[in-house]
All heavy atoms as atom14 arrays in JSON, in Angstrom:
{
  "sequence": "SLKPEDTAVYYCALRFTLGDSGDRIFIRITEYNYWGQGTQVTVS",
  "atom14_mask": [
    [1, 1, 1, 1, 1, 1, 0, 0, 0, 0, 0, 0, 0, 0],
    [1, 1, 1, 1, 1, 1, 1, 1, 0, 0, 0, 0, 0, 0],
    [1, 1, 1, 1, 1, 1, 1, 1, 1, 0, 0, 0, 0, 0],
    [1, 1, 1, 1, 1, 1, 1, 0, 0, 0, 0, 0, 0, 0],
    [1, 1, 1, 1, 1, 1, 1, 1, 1, 0, 0, 0, 0, 0],
    [1, 1, 1, 1, 1, 1, 1, 1, 0, 0, 0, 0, 0, 0],
    [1, 1, 1, 1, 1, 1, 1, 0, 0, 0, 0, 0, 0, 0],
    [1, 1, 1, 1, 1, 0, 0, 0, 0, 0, 0, 0, 0, 0],
    [1, 1, 1, 1, 1, 1, 1, 0, 0, 0, 0, 0, 0, 0],
    [1, 1, 1, 1, 1, 1, 1, 1, 1, 1, 1, 1, 0, 0],
    [1, 1, 1, 1, 1, 1, 1, 1, 1, 1, 1, 1, 0, 0],
    [1, 1, 1, 1, 1, 1, 0, 0, 0, 0, 0, 0, 0, 0],
    [1, 1, 1, 1, 1, 0, 0, 0, 0, 0, 0, 0, 0, 0],
    [1, 1, 1, 1, 1, 1, 1, 1, 0, 0, 0, 0, 0, 0],
    [1, 1, 1, 1, 1, 1, 1, 1, 1, 1, 1, 0, 0, 0],
    [1, 1, 1, 1, 1, 1, 1, 1, 1, 1, 1, 0, 0, 0],
    [1, 1, 1, 1, 1, 1, 1, 0, 0, 0, 0, 0, 0, 0],
    [1, 1, 1, 1, 1, 1, 1, 1, 0, 0, 0, 0, 0, 0],
    [1, 1, 1, 1, 0, 0, 0, 0, 0, 0, 0, 0, 0, 0],
    [1, 1, 1, 1, 1, 1, 1, 1, 0, 0, 0, 0, 0, 0],
    [1, 1, 1, 1, 1, 1, 0, 0, 0, 0, 0, 0, 0, 0],
    [1, 1, 1, 1, 0, 0, 0, 0, 0, 0, 0, 0, 0, 0],
    [1, 1, 1, 1, 1, 1, 1, 1, 0, 0, 0, 0, 0, 0],
    [1, 1, 1, 1, 1, 1, 1, 1, 1, 1, 1, 0, 0, 0],
    [1, 1, 1, 1, 1, 1, 1, 1, 0, 0, 0, 0, 0, 0],
    [1, 1, 1, 1, 1, 1, 1, 1, 1, 1, 1, 0, 0, 0],
    [1, 1, 1, 1, 1, 1, 1, 1, 0, 0, 0, 0, 0, 0],
    [1, 1, 1, 1, 1, 1, 1, 1, 1, 1, 1, 0, 0, 0],
    [1, 1, 1, 1, 1, 1, 1, 1, 0, 0, 0, 0, 0, 0],
    [1, 1, 1, 1, 1, 1, 1, 0, 0, 0, 0, 0, 0, 0],
    [1, 1, 1, 1, 1, 1, 1, 1, 1, 0, 0, 0, 0, 0],
    [1, 1, 1, 1, 1, 1, 1, 1, 1, 1, 1, 1, 0, 0],
    [1, 1, 1, 1, 1, 1, 1, 1, 0, 0, 0, 0, 0, 0],
    [1, 1, 1, 1, 1, 1, 1, 1, 1, 1, 1, 1, 0, 0],
    [1, 1, 1, 1, 1, 1, 1, 1, 1, 1, 1, 1, 1, 1],
    [1, 1, 1, 1, 0, 0, 0, 0, 0, 0, 0, 0, 0, 0],
    [1, 1, 1, 1, 1, 1, 1, 1, 1, 0, 0, 0, 0, 0],
    [1, 1, 1, 1, 0, 0, 0, 0, 0, 0, 0, 0, 0, 0],
    [1, 1, 1, 1, 1, 1, 1, 0, 0, 0, 0, 0, 0, 0],
    [1, 1, 1, 1, 1, 1, 1, 1, 1, 0, 0, 0, 0, 0],
    [1, 1, 1, 1, 1, 1, 1, 0, 0, 0, 0, 0, 0, 0],
    [1, 1, 1, 1, 1, 1, 1, 0, 0, 0, 0, 0, 0, 0],
    [1, 1, 1, 1, 1, 1, 1, 0, 0, 0, 0, 0, 0, 0],
    [1, 1, 1, 1, 1, 1, 0, 0, 0, 0, 0, 0, 0, 0]
  ],
  "atom14_positions": [
    [[50.13, 121.63, 169.32], [50.16, 120.65, 168.23], [50.29, 119.24, 168.78], [51.1, 118.44, 168.31], [51.32, 120.97, 167.28], [51.19, 122.26, 166.71], [0.0, 0.0, 0.0], [0.0, 0.0, 0.0], [0.0, 0.0, 0.0], [0.0, 0.0, 0.0], [0.0, 0.0, 0.0], [0.0, 0.0, 0.0], [0.0, 0.0, 0.0], [0.0, 0.0, 0.0]],
    [[49.48, 118.96, 169.76], [49.58, 117.69, 170.47], [49.27, 116.49, 169.59], [48.4, 116.55, 168.71], [48.66, 117.7, 171.68], [49.13, 118.59, 172.84], [48.01, 118.8, 173.85], [50.34, 117.95, 173.52], [0.0, 0.0, 0.0], [0.0, 0.0, 0.0], [0.0, 0.0, 0.0], [0.0, 0.0, 0.0], [0.0, 0.0, 0.0], [0.0, 0.0, 0.0]],
    [[49.98, 115.42, 169.86], [49.83, 114.16, 169.15], [49.43, 113.08, 170.15], [49.73, 113.19, 171.33], [51.14, 113.76, 168.47], [51.73, 114.83, 167.58], [53.11, 114.42, 167.08], [53.74, 115.5, 166.22], [55.09, 115.1, 165.76], [0.0, 0.0, 0.0], [0.0, 0.0, 0.0], [0.0, 0.0, 0.0], [0.0, 0.0, 0.0], [0.0, 0.0, 0.0]],
    [[48.78, 112.03, 169.69], [48.4, 110.94, 170.6], [49.6, 110.39, 171.38], [49.45, 110.0, 172.54], [47.8, 109.9, 169.67], [47.2, 110.7, 168.57], [48.2, 111.81, 168.34], [0.0, 0.0, 0.0], [0.0, 0.0, 0.0], [0.0, 0.0, 0.0], [0.0, 0.0, 0.0], [0.0, 0.0, 0.0], [0.0, 0.0, 0.0], [0.0, 0.0, 0.0]],
    [[50.76, 110.38, 170.77], [51.95, 109.88, 171.43], [52.46, 110.78, 172.56], [53.37, 110.42, 173.29], [53.09, 109.62, 170.43], [53.33, 110.77, 169.47], [52.62, 110.58, 168.14], [51.43, 110.24, 168.15], [53.27, 110.77, 167.09], [0.0, 0.0, 0.0], [0.0, 0.0, 0.0], [0.0, 0.0, 0.0], [0.0, 0.0, 0.0], [0.0, 0.0, 0.0]],
    [[51.86, 111.97, 172.69], [52.2, 112.86, 173.8], [51.45, 112.48, 175.07], [51.71, 113.05, 176.14], [51.88, 114.32, 173.45], [52.78, 114.87, 172.36], [53.99, 114.58, 172.37], [52.27, 115.61, 171.5], [0.0, 0.0, 0.0], [0.0, 0.0, 0.0], [0.0, 0.0, 0.0], [0.0, 0.0, 0.0], [0.0, 0.0, 0.0], [0.0, 0.0, 0.0]],
    [[50.52, 111.57, 174.95], [49.74, 111.13, 176.11], [50.66, 110.57, 177.18], [51.45, 109.66, 176.93], [48.72, 110.06, 175.71], [47.76, 110.63, 174.81], [47.99, 109.51, 176.93], [0.0, 0.0, 0.0], [0.0, 0.0, 0.0], [0.0, 0.0, 0.0], [0.0, 0.0, 0.0], [0.0, 0.0, 0.0], [0.0, 0.0, 0.0], [0.0, 0.0, 0.0]],
    [[50.56, 111.14, 178.38], [51.43, 110.73, 179.48], [51.06, 111.52, 180.73], [50.28, 112.47, 180.68], [52.9, 111.0, 179.13], [0.0, 0.0, 0.0], [0.0, 0.0, 0.0], [0.0, 0.0, 0.0], [0.0, 0.0, 0.0], [0.0, 0.0, 0.0], [0.0, 0.0, 0.0], [0.0, 0.0, 0.0], [0.0, 0.0, 0.0], [0.0, 0.0, 0.0]],
    [[51.63, 111.1, 181.84], [51.55, 111.89, 183.05], [52.77, 112.8, 183.03], [53.9, 112.34, 182.88], [51.58, 111.02, 184.33], [51.61, 111.9, 185.58], [50.36, 110.11, 184.36], [0.0, 0.0, 0.0], [0.0, 0.0, 0.0], [0.0, 0.0, 0.0], [0.0, 0.0, 0.0], [0.0, 0.0, 0.0], [0.0, 0.0, 0.0], [0.0, 0.0, 0.0]],
    [[52.54, 114.1, 183.18], [53.62, 115.07, 183.13], [53.99, 115.51, 184.54], [53.11, 115.88, 185.33], [53.21, 116.28, 182.29], [53.23, 115.99, 180.81], [52.29, 115.15, 180.23], [54.22, 116.55, 179.98], [52.32, 114.86, 178.88], [54.26, 116.27, 178.63], [53.31, 115.42, 178.08], [53.35, 115.13, 176.73], [0.0, 0.0, 0.0], [0.0, 0.0, 0.0]],
    [[55.28, 115.49, 184.83], [55.79, 115.84, 186.15], [56.73, 117.03, 186.08], [57.55, 117.13, 185.16], [56.59, 114.67, 186.75], [55.82, 113.38, 186.91], [55.76, 112.45, 185.89], [55.18, 113.09, 188.11], [55.08, 111.26, 186.04], [54.49, 111.89, 188.27], [54.45, 110.98, 187.23], [53.78, 109.8, 187.4], [0.0, 0.0, 0.0], [0.0, 0.0, 0.0]],
    [[56.64, 117.91, 187.05], [57.63, 118.97, 187.16], [58.63, 118.56, 188.23], [58.31, 117.79, 189.14], [57.0, 120.33, 187.48], [56.22, 120.47, 189.1], [0.0, 0.0, 0.0], [0.0, 0.0, 0.0], [0.0, 0.0, 0.0], [0.0, 0.0, 0.0], [0.0, 0.0, 0.0], [0.0, 0.0, 0.0], [0.0, 0.0, 0.0], [0.0, 0.0, 0.0]],
    [[59.84, 119.07, 188.11], [60.9, 118.71, 189.03], [61.75, 119.93, 189.36], [61.92, 120.82, 188.54], [61.78, 117.61, 188.43], [0.0, 0.0, 0.0], [0.0, 0.0, 0.0], [0.0, 0.0, 0.0], [0.0, 0.0, 0.0], [0.0, 0.0, 0.0], [0.0, 0.0, 0.0], [0.0, 0.0, 0.0], [0.0, 0.0, 0.0], [0.0, 0.0, 0.0]],
    [[62.29, 119.93, 190.57], [63.11, 121.04, 191.05], [64.48, 120.52, 191.49], [64.58, 119.47, 192.13], [62.4, 121.73, 192.22], [63.08, 122.9, 192.93], [62.03, 123.84, 193.51], [64.0, 122.4, 194.05], [0.0, 0.0, 0.0], [0.0, 0.0, 0.0], [0.0, 0.0, 0.0], [0.0, 0.0, 0.0], [0.0, 0.0, 0.0], [0.0, 0.0, 0.0]],
    [[65.5, 121.28, 191.14], [66.86, 120.93, 191.55], [67.33, 121.91, 192.61], [67.3, 123.13, 192.41], [67.83, 120.97, 190.37], [69.28, 120.72, 190.77], [70.21, 120.76, 189.56], [71.61, 120.77, 189.95], [72.33, 119.69, 190.19], [71.79, 118.48, 190.08], [73.61, 119.8, 190.55], [0.0, 0.0, 0.0], [0.0, 0.0, 0.0], [0.0, 0.0, 0.0]],
    [[67.76, 121.37, 193.74], [68.3, 122.18, 194.83], [69.7, 121.67, 195.15], [69.85, 120.64, 195.81], [67.41, 122.09, 196.06], [68.01, 122.73, 197.28], [68.48, 124.04, 197.24], [68.1, 122.04, 198.48], [69.04, 124.64, 198.36], [68.66, 122.63, 199.61], [69.12, 123.93, 199.55], [0.0, 0.0, 0.0], [0.0, 0.0, 0.0], [0.0, 0.0, 0.0]],
    [[70.69, 122.39, 194.65], [72.08, 122.03, 194.9], [72.92, 123.29, 195.04], [72.89, 124.16, 194.16], [72.65, 121.17, 193.76], [71.88, 119.97, 193.64], [74.1, 120.8, 194.04], [0.0, 0.0, 0.0], [0.0, 0.0, 0.0], [0.0, 0.0, 0.0], [0.0, 0.0, 0.0], [0.0, 0.0, 0.0], [0.0, 0.0, 0.0], [0.0, 0.0, 0.0]],
    [[73.64, 123.41, 196.11], [74.48, 124.57, 196.34], [75.6, 124.62, 195.3], [76.17, 123.6, 194.93], [75.09, 124.51, 197.74], [74.12, 124.59, 198.91], [74.88, 124.43, 200.22], [73.37, 125.92, 198.89], [0.0, 0.0, 0.0], [0.0, 0.0, 0.0], [0.0, 0.0, 0.0], [0.0, 0.0, 0.0], [0.0, 0.0, 0.0], [0.0, 0.0, 0.0]],
    [[75.89, 125.82, 194.83], [76.99, 126.01, 193.91], [76.64, 125.98, 192.44], [77.51, 126.24, 191.61], [0.0, 0.0, 0.0], [0.0, 0.0, 0.0], [0.0, 0.0, 0.0], [0.0, 0.0, 0.0], [0.0, 0.0, 0.0], [0.0, 0.0, 0.0], [0.0, 0.0, 0.0], [0.0, 0.0, 0.0], [0.0, 0.0, 0.0], [0.0, 0.0, 0.0]],
    [[75.4, 125.67, 192.09], [75.0, 125.65, 190.68], [75.05, 127.06, 190.1], [74.67, 128.03, 190.74], [73.58, 125.12, 190.52], [73.49, 123.62, 190.65], [74.55, 122.96, 190.69], [72.36, 123.1, 190.73], [0.0, 0.0, 0.0], [0.0, 0.0, 0.0], [0.0, 0.0, 0.0], [0.0, 0.0, 0.0], [0.0, 0.0, 0.0], [0.0, 0.0, 0.0]],
    [[75.51, 127.15, 188.86], [75.51, 128.42, 188.16], [74.11, 128.72, 187.66], [73.34, 127.82, 187.35], [76.48, 128.39, 186.98], [77.81, 128.19, 187.41], [0.0, 0.0, 0.0], [0.0, 0.0, 0.0], [0.0, 0.0, 0.0], [0.0, 0.0, 0.0], [0.0, 0.0, 0.0], [0.0, 0.0, 0.0], [0.0, 0.0, 0.0], [0.0, 0.0, 0.0]],
    [[73.78, 130.0, 187.57], [72.45, 130.41, 187.18], [72.03, 130.03, 185.78], [70.83, 129.95, 185.5], [0.0, 0.0, 0.0], [0.0, 0.0, 0.0], [0.0, 0.0, 0.0], [0.0, 0.0, 0.0], [0.0, 0.0, 0.0], [0.0, 0.0, 0.0], [0.0, 0.0, 0.0], [0.0, 0.0, 0.0], [0.0, 0.0, 0.0], [0.0, 0.0, 0.0]],
    [[72.99, 129.76, 184.9], [72.67, 129.46, 183.52], [72.73, 127.97, 183.17], [72.6, 127.61, 182.01], [73.6, 130.23, 182.59], [75.06, 129.9, 182.81], [75.38, 129.22, 183.8], [75.9, 130.34, 181.99], [0.0, 0.0, 0.0], [0.0, 0.0, 0.0], [0.0, 0.0, 0.0], [0.0, 0.0, 0.0], [0.0, 0.0, 0.0], [0.0, 0.0, 0.0]],
    [[72.91, 127.12, 184.15], [73.03, 125.69, 183.89], [71.69, 125.02, 183.65], [70.66, 125.4, 184.2], [73.76, 124.99, 185.03], [75.24, 125.33, 185.11], [75.94, 124.46, 186.13], [75.93, 123.06, 185.74], [76.42, 122.08, 186.49], [76.97, 122.36, 187.67], [76.36, 120.83, 186.06], [0.0, 0.0, 0.0], [0.0, 0.0, 0.0], [0.0, 0.0, 0.0]],
    [[71.73, 123.99, 182.8], [70.55, 123.2, 182.45], [70.78, 121.76, 182.89], [71.88, 121.22, 182.78], [70.3, 123.24, 180.93], [69.83, 124.63, 180.49], [69.28, 122.18, 180.53], [68.42, 124.96, 180.92], [0.0, 0.0, 0.0], [0.0, 0.0, 0.0], [0.0, 0.0, 0.0], [0.0, 0.0, 0.0], [0.0, 0.0, 0.0], [0.0, 0.0, 0.0]],
    [[69.72, 121.11, 183.37], [69.81, 119.73, 183.83], [68.72, 118.91, 183.14], [67.56, 119.32, 183.1], [69.67, 119.66, 185.34], [70.66, 120.53, 186.05], [70.32, 121.82, 186.43], [71.93, 120.06, 186.33], [71.24, 122.63, 187.06], [72.86, 120.87, 186.96], [72.52, 122.16, 187.33], [0.0, 0.0, 0.0], [0.0, 0.0, 0.0], [0.0, 0.0, 0.0]],
    [[69.1, 117.75, 182.61], [68.16, 116.94, 181.84], [68.0, 115.51, 182.35], [67.17, 114.76, 181.84], [68.57, 116.87, 180.35], [69.92, 116.16, 180.19], [68.63, 118.28, 179.76], [70.3, 115.9, 178.75], [0.0, 0.0, 0.0], [0.0, 0.0, 0.0], [0.0, 0.0, 0.0], [0.0, 0.0, 0.0], [0.0, 0.0, 0.0], [0.0, 0.0, 0.0]],
    [[68.76, 115.13, 183.34], [68.67, 113.77, 183.86], [67.82, 113.7, 185.13], [67.85, 114.6, 185.96], [70.07, 113.21, 184.14], [70.85, 112.89, 182.87], [72.23, 112.33, 183.19], [73.14, 113.38, 183.6], [73.85, 114.11, 182.76], [73.77, 113.89, 181.45], [74.66, 115.05, 183.22], [0.0, 0.0, 0.0], [0.0, 0.0, 0.0], [0.0, 0.0, 0.0]],
    [[67.07, 112.62, 185.26], [66.21, 112.42, 186.41], [66.99, 112.52, 187.71], [66.53, 113.12, 188.69], [65.5, 111.06, 186.32], [64.5, 111.06, 185.16], [64.8, 110.72, 187.63], [63.84, 109.72, 184.92], [0.0, 0.0, 0.0], [0.0, 0.0, 0.0], [0.0, 0.0, 0.0], [0.0, 0.0, 0.0], [0.0, 0.0, 0.0], [0.0, 0.0, 0.0]],
    [[68.18, 111.94, 187.72], [68.99, 111.92, 188.93], [69.54, 113.28, 189.34], [70.09, 113.41, 190.42], [70.17, 110.93, 188.76], [70.91, 111.27, 187.59], [69.65, 109.51, 188.63], [0.0, 0.0, 0.0], [0.0, 0.0, 0.0], [0.0, 0.0, 0.0], [0.0, 0.0, 0.0], [0.0, 0.0, 0.0], [0.0, 0.0, 0.0], [0.0, 0.0, 0.0]],
    [[69.4, 114.27, 188.48], [69.9, 115.6, 188.78], [68.87, 116.46, 189.54], [69.19, 117.57, 189.96], [70.31, 116.32, 187.5], [71.53, 115.69, 186.83], [71.93, 116.39, 185.55], [71.04, 116.65, 184.71], [73.14, 116.66, 185.38], [0.0, 0.0, 0.0], [0.0, 0.0, 0.0], [0.0, 0.0, 0.0], [0.0, 0.0, 0.0], [0.0, 0.0, 0.0]],
    [[67.68, 115.94, 189.69], [66.62, 116.67, 190.38], [66.33, 116.08, 191.76], [66.45, 114.87, 191.97], [65.35, 116.68, 189.53], [65.49, 117.58, 188.33], [66.03, 117.1, 187.14], [65.11, 118.92, 188.39], [66.19, 117.93, 186.04], [65.27, 119.75, 187.3], [65.81, 119.26, 186.13], [65.97, 120.09, 185.04], [0.0, 0.0, 0.0], [0.0, 0.0, 0.0]],
    [[65.93, 116.94, 192.67], [65.73, 116.56, 194.06], [64.27, 116.41, 194.48], [63.96, 115.59, 195.36], [66.39, 117.58, 194.99], [67.82, 117.89, 194.62], [68.1, 118.94, 194.02], [68.72, 116.98, 194.96], [0.0, 0.0, 0.0], [0.0, 0.0, 0.0], [0.0, 0.0, 0.0], [0.0, 0.0, 0.0], [0.0, 0.0, 0.0], [0.0, 0.0, 0.0]],
    [[63.4, 117.21, 193.89], [61.99, 117.2, 194.28], [61.09, 117.04, 193.07], [61.36, 117.59, 192.0], [61.65, 118.5, 195.02], [62.43, 118.68, 196.29], [63.62, 119.4, 196.3], [61.99, 118.11, 197.49], [64.35, 119.55, 197.47], [62.72, 118.26, 198.66], [63.89, 118.98, 198.64], [64.63, 119.13, 199.8], [0.0, 0.0, 0.0], [0.0, 0.0, 0.0]],
    [[59.98, 116.32, 193.29], [59.05, 116.01, 192.22], [57.6, 116.24, 192.63], [57.24, 116.03, 193.79], [59.2, 114.55, 191.8], [60.54, 114.23, 191.23], [61.69, 113.97, 191.92], [60.87, 114.16, 189.84], [62.73, 113.73, 191.04], [62.25, 113.85, 189.77], [60.14, 114.33, 188.67], [62.91, 113.69, 188.54], [60.79, 114.18, 187.45], [62.16, 113.87, 187.41]],
    [[56.79, 116.66, 191.67], [55.37, 116.77, 191.91], [54.7, 115.43, 191.69], [55.36, 114.44, 191.34], [0.0, 0.0, 0.0], [0.0, 0.0, 0.0], [0.0, 0.0, 0.0], [0.0, 0.0, 0.0], [0.0, 0.0, 0.0], [0.0, 0.0, 0.0], [0.0, 0.0, 0.0], [0.0, 0.0, 0.0], [0.0, 0.0, 0.0], [0.0, 0.0, 0.0]],
    [[53.39, 115.39, 191.88], [52.64, 114.14, 191.74], [52.18, 113.89, 190.31], [51.73, 112.79, 190.0], [51.44, 114.14, 192.68], [51.83, 114.16, 194.15], [52.69, 112.98, 194.52], [52.3, 111.82, 194.32], [53.87, 113.25, 195.06], [0.0, 0.0, 0.0], [0.0, 0.0, 0.0], [0.0, 0.0, 0.0], [0.0, 0.0, 0.0], [0.0, 0.0, 0.0]],
    [[52.3, 114.88, 189.45], [51.97, 114.7, 188.05], [50.58, 115.17, 187.66], [49.68, 115.23, 188.49], [0.0, 0.0, 0.0], [0.0, 0.0, 0.0], [0.0, 0.0, 0.0], [0.0, 0.0, 0.0], [0.0, 0.0, 0.0], [0.0, 0.0, 0.0], [0.0, 0.0, 0.0], [0.0, 0.0, 0.0], [0.0, 0.0, 0.0], [0.0, 0.0, 0.0]],
    [[50.42, 115.48, 186.39], [49.12, 115.85, 185.82], [48.95, 115.1, 184.51], [49.87, 115.03, 183.69], [49.01, 117.38, 185.62], [47.68, 117.7, 185.17], [50.02, 117.89, 184.61], [0.0, 0.0, 0.0], [0.0, 0.0, 0.0], [0.0, 0.0, 0.0], [0.0, 0.0, 0.0], [0.0, 0.0, 0.0], [0.0, 0.0, 0.0], [0.0, 0.0, 0.0]],
    [[47.79, 114.51, 184.32], [47.54, 113.66, 183.16], [47.2, 114.47, 181.92], [46.34, 115.35, 181.95], [46.39, 112.7, 183.46], [45.99, 111.8, 182.29], [47.02, 110.74, 181.98], [47.48, 110.06, 182.89], [47.37, 110.6, 180.7], [0.0, 0.0, 0.0], [0.0, 0.0, 0.0], [0.0, 0.0, 0.0], [0.0, 0.0, 0.0], [0.0, 0.0, 0.0]],
    [[47.87, 114.15, 180.82], [47.57, 114.72, 179.52], [47.18, 113.57, 178.61], [47.97, 112.64, 178.41], [48.77, 115.47, 178.92], [48.48, 115.89, 177.47], [49.1, 116.7, 179.76], [0.0, 0.0, 0.0], [0.0, 0.0, 0.0], [0.0, 0.0, 0.0], [0.0, 0.0, 0.0], [0.0, 0.0, 0.0], [0.0, 0.0, 0.0], [0.0, 0.0, 0.0]],
    [[45.98, 113.63, 178.07], [45.5, 112.59, 177.17], [45.11, 113.22, 175.85], [44.3, 114.14, 175.8], [44.28, 111.86, 177.76], [44.62, 111.3, 179.04], [43.82, 110.74, 176.84], [0.0, 0.0, 0.0], [0.0, 0.0, 0.0], [0.0, 0.0, 0.0], [0.0, 0.0, 0.0], [0.0, 0.0, 0.0], [0.0, 0.0, 0.0], [0.0, 0.0, 0.0]],
    [[45.69, 112.72, 174.77], [45.44, 113.26, 173.44], [44.74, 112.21, 172.59], [45.28, 111.12, 172.37], [46.74, 113.7, 172.75], [46.43, 114.36, 171.41], [47.53, 114.64, 173.65], [0.0, 0.0, 0.0], [0.0, 0.0, 0.0], [0.0, 0.0, 0.0], [0.0, 0.0, 0.0], [0.0, 0.0, 0.0], [0.0, 0.0, 0.0], [0.0, 0.0, 0.0]],
    [[43.55, 112.53, 172.12], [42.78, 111.59, 171.31], [43.02, 111.85, 169.82], [43.38, 112.96, 169.42], [41.29, 111.71, 171.62], [40.8, 113.01, 171.31], [0.0, 0.0, 0.0], [0.0, 0.0, 0.0], [0.0, 0.0, 0.0], [0.0, 0.0, 0.0], [0.0, 0.0, 0.0], [0.0, 0.0, 0.0], [0.0, 0.0, 0.0], [0.0, 0.0, 0.0]]
  ]
}
């Protein structure tokens, strides 16, 4: 159900930190260690 406002470069990110619990969720940019180069999504 894409909208024009969804247009952006989408990046995936990975968090590598010892001691994290398996059920934890992270939502801040600073909580991630590795990033991809992105893939463009354009909605007309």
